[in-house]
């Protein structure tokens, strides 16, 4: 599994996940939509930590620089 996410992409995903978490726990978003957004936020955090997005792979998208690939 080669890395296909750059630093900026990873930071943006973590910020979005944090915002969703804060909104959910402050009850701004709730119900089914809140749970779905929490799941998506969890996926964002997971993919940020492993620097690999499975949705990028089939389309050949890579946001990382060439020197960071492993």
Protein backbone atom coordinates (compact mmCIF):
# COMPACT_ATOMS: atom_id res chain seq x y z
CA UNK A 1 0.00 0.00 0.00
CA UNK A 2 1.76 3.13 -1.21
CA UNK A 3 1.05 6.55 0.24
CA UNK A 4 -1.21 8.69 -1.89
CA UNK A 5 -2.03 11.56 0.50
CA UNK A 6 0.06 14.66 1.04
CA UNK A 7 0.49 16.62 4.25
CA UNK A 8 -2.03 19.33 3.34
CA UNK A 9 -4.66 16.71 2.49
CA UNK A 10 -4.09 14.93 5.80
CA UNK A 11 -4.31 18.15 7.83
CA UNK A 12 -7.52 19.24 6.10
CA UNK A 13 -9.13 15.85 6.80
CA UNK A 14 -8.18 15.99 10.49
CA UNK A 15 -9.56 19.55 10.81
CA UNK A 16 -12.84 18.51 9.16
CA UNK A 17 -13.09 15.47 11.45
CA UNK A 18 -12.48 17.65 14.52
CA UNK A 19 -15.16 20.13 13.44
CA UNK A 20 -17.68 17.33 12.90
CA UNK A 21 -16.82 15.86 16.32
CA UNK A 22 -17.29 19.21 18.07
CA UNK A 23 -20.58 19.84 16.28
CA UNK A 24 -21.87 16.38 17.17
CA UNK A 25 -20.91 16.52 20.84
CA UNK A 26 -22.37 20.04 21.17
CA UNK A 27 -25.59 18.64 19.66
CA UNK A 28 -25.56 20.98 16.67
CA UNK A 29 -25.86 17.91 14.45
CA UNK A 30 -27.66 14.83 15.72
CA UNK A 31 -29.63 11.79 14.74
CA UNK A 32 -28.84 9.69 11.72
CA UNK A 33 -27.01 12.52 9.97
CA UNK A 34 -24.80 13.03 13.02
CA UNK A 35 -23.90 9.35 13.19
CA UNK A 36 -23.13 9.20 9.47
CA UNK A 37 -20.94 12.30 9.73
CA UNK A 38 -19.12 10.81 12.74
CA UNK A 39 -18.39 7.65 10.76
CA UNK A 40 -17.07 9.73 7.84
CA UNK A 41 -14.97 11.77 10.30
CA UNK A 42 -13.54 8.54 11.72
CA UNK A 43 -12.64 7.38 8.22
CA UNK A 44 -10.98 10.76 7.57
CA UNK A 45 -8.84 10.38 10.71
CA UNK A 46 -7.91 6.78 9.88
CA UNK A 47 -6.91 7.57 6.30
CA UNK A 48 -4.94 10.59 7.52
CA UNK A 49 -2.90 8.46 9.91
CA UNK A 50 -2.06 5.82 7.30
CA UNK A 51 -1.63 8.38 4.47
CA UNK A 52 -3.65 6.24 2.10
CA UNK A 53 -7.12 6.93 0.70
CA UNK A 54 -8.71 3.90 -1.00
CA UNK A 55 -10.95 6.17 -3.10
CA UNK A 56 -7.89 7.87 -4.63
CA UNK A 57 -6.35 4.57 -5.82
CA UNK A 58 -8.78 3.63 -8.65
CA UNK A 59 -8.60 7.14 -10.08
CA UNK A 60 -4.82 7.43 -9.78
CA UNK A 61 -5.03 10.53 -7.58
CA UNK A 62 -1.93 11.31 -5.53
CA UNK A 63 -1.62 14.43 -3.41
CA UNK A 64 1.79 13.54 -1.99
CA UNK A 65 5.09 14.61 -3.47
CA UNK A 66 7.25 12.05 -5.24
CA UNK A 67 9.91 12.00 -2.53
CA UNK A 68 7.37 10.97 0.16
CA UNK A 69 6.15 7.82 -1.60
CA UNK A 70 7.07 4.45 -0.11
